Amino acid sequence: MGRQMAFWKYNDGVYLDNQKVYEEACCNGLTVEGLAELPTDDILRMICEKLPAYDKLDEYSFESEKGAFELSYTNQCVLFDCSWDMPMNDLNTVIDIMAAFHCPFYDPQITKRFDSAG
């Protein structure tokens, strides 16, 4: 697709190696001790609500005239694989949706998590 955007939430008092969490939880679907369980049904509902221009093709694929994204998720991690032509304001909407669930954006392209801890 293009650009990946990863999101998860640490349990209170826990902070792990972000790249390792990305690889284990987001890429390999492993359960990682220290990560909070996410309300995936609520997250999926908000994605449909806040990004109405994107048609839900199946459980994981969304497409519009502006771009597309695919979801991968577990009960601990949500990974968006976005097309390069997806507009910046829609990418920011994705970040805002996940921030509503206290899940900061991790950018695997630059190995940086955008939260106060690191």
Protein backbone atom coordinates (compact mmCIF):
# COMPACT_ATOMS: atom_id res chain seq x y z
CA MET A 1 0.00 0.00 0.00
CA GLY A 2 2.22 2.82 1.21
CA ARG A 3 2.44 4.34 4.65
CA GLN A 4 1.88 2.37 7.86
CA MET A 5 0.46 3.89 11.04
CA ALA A 6 0.49 1.81 14.23
CA PHE A 7 -1.36 2.38 17.49
CA TRP A 8 -1.46 0.74 20.92
CA LYS A 9 -1.88 1.72 24.54
CA TYR A 10 0.42 0.82 27.40
CA ASN A 11 -0.97 -0.20 30.76
CA ASP A 12 -0.37 2.37 33.50
CA GLY A 13 3.26 2.46 34.56
CA VAL A 14 4.46 0.38 31.59
CA TYR A 15 6.65 1.55 28.75
CA LEU A 16 8.38 -0.91 26.42
CA ASP A 17 10.64 -0.77 23.39
CA ASN A 18 8.30 0.69 20.76
CA GLN A 19 9.93 -0.99 17.76
CA LYS A 20 9.73 -4.37 19.48
CA VAL A 21 6.04 -3.77 20.34
CA TYR A 22 5.37 -2.79 16.72
CA GLU A 23 7.06 -5.94 15.40
CA GLU A 24 5.52 -8.34 17.91
CA ALA A 25 2.01 -6.95 18.42
CA CYS A 26 1.27 -5.15 15.15
CA CYS A 27 3.21 -7.18 12.59
CA ASN A 28 3.10 -10.66 14.12
CA GLY A 29 -0.16 -10.45 16.10
CA LEU A 30 1.48 -11.64 19.31
CA THR A 31 0.13 -10.77 22.75
CA VAL A 32 2.54 -8.40 24.48
CA GLU A 33 2.49 -8.18 28.27
CA GLY A 34 2.06 -4.57 29.33
CA LEU A 35 -0.26 -3.51 26.51
CA ALA A 36 -3.85 -2.60 27.29
CA GLU A 37 -6.77 -4.34 25.65
CA LEU A 38 -8.42 -2.10 23.05
CA PRO A 39 -12.16 -1.72 22.38
CA THR A 40 -11.81 -2.74 18.73
CA ASP A 41 -15.57 -2.68 18.00
CA ASP A 42 -15.74 0.94 19.19
CA ILE A 43 -12.63 1.84 17.21
CA LEU A 44 -14.04 0.31 14.03
CA ARG A 45 -17.33 2.12 14.55
CA MET A 46 -15.53 5.45 14.96
CA ILE A 47 -13.43 4.84 11.83
CA CYS A 48 -16.62 4.42 9.79
CA GLU A 49 -18.18 7.45 11.48
CA LYS A 50 -15.22 9.85 11.12
CA LEU A 51 -14.13 8.74 7.63
CA PRO A 52 -17.49 8.48 5.83
CA ALA A 53 -15.99 9.06 2.35
CA TYR A 54 -14.32 5.65 2.61
CA ASP A 55 -16.43 2.69 1.54
CA LYS A 56 -15.94 -0.38 3.71
CA LEU A 57 -15.17 -3.10 1.15
CA ASP A 58 -14.79 -5.82 3.76
CA GLU A 59 -13.80 -6.07 7.42
CA TYR A 60 -10.29 -4.81 6.68
CA SER A 61 -10.39 -2.71 3.48
CA PHE A 62 -11.59 0.86 2.98
CA GLU A 63 -11.52 2.84 -0.26
CA SER A 64 -12.53 6.24 -1.59
CA GLU A 65 -11.80 8.48 -4.54
CA LYS A 66 -9.14 10.11 -2.33
CA GLY A 67 -7.20 7.00 -1.30
CA ALA A 68 -7.48 3.73 0.55
CA PHE A 69 -6.38 1.94 3.69
CA GLU A 70 -6.35 -1.56 5.08
CA LEU A 71 -6.63 -2.44 8.75
CA SER A 72 -4.90 -5.13 10.73
CA TYR A 73 -5.80 -5.38 14.38
CA THR A 74 -5.73 -7.46 17.48
CA ASN A 75 -7.16 -6.73 20.91
CA GLN A 76 -3.92 -4.81 21.64
CA CYS A 77 -2.85 -3.09 18.43
CA VAL A 78 -4.33 -1.38 15.36
CA LEU A 79 -2.27 -1.03 12.18
CA PHE A 80 -3.37 1.13 9.26
CA ASP A 81 -1.71 0.49 5.90
CA CYS A 82 -2.56 3.66 3.94
CA SER A 83 -2.15 4.41 0.25
CA TRP A 84 0.38 7.11 -0.64
CA ASP A 85 -2.40 9.26 -2.12
CA MET A 86 -4.44 9.32 1.10
CA PRO A 87 -4.83 13.03 2.02
CA MET A 88 -2.96 14.39 5.04
CA ASN A 89 -6.19 15.55 6.69
CA ASP A 90 -7.49 11.96 6.54
CA LEU A 91 -4.23 10.66 8.01
CA ASN A 92 -4.65 13.22 10.79
CA THR A 93 -8.22 12.00 11.31
CA VAL A 94 -6.84 8.48 11.82
CA ILE A 95 -4.45 9.86 14.45
CA ASP A 96 -7.34 11.74 16.15
CA ILE A 97 -9.55 8.64 16.18
CA MET A 98 -6.89 6.58 17.88
CA ALA A 99 -5.99 9.41 20.27
CA ALA A 100 -9.60 9.29 21.47
CA PHE A 101 -8.75 5.77 22.70
CA HIS A 102 -5.45 6.94 24.27
CA CYS A 103 -3.38 5.26 21.57
CA PRO A 104 -0.58 7.52 20.30
CA PHE A 105 0.70 7.23 16.74
CA TYR A 106 3.79 5.10 16.13
CA ASP A 107 5.44 5.78 12.78
CA PRO A 108 7.41 2.66 11.79
CA GLN A 109 8.93 4.52 8.85
CA ILE A 110 10.96 6.66 11.29
CA THR A 111 10.64 4.39 14.37
CA LYS A 112 9.08 7.13 16.50
CA ARG A 113 6.06 7.08 18.80
CA PHE A 114 4.38 10.43 19.25
CA ASP A 115 3.59 10.42 22.96
CA SER A 116 4.92 12.18 26.01
CA ALA A 117 7.03 9.22 27.12
CA GLY A 118 9.15 8.90 24.06
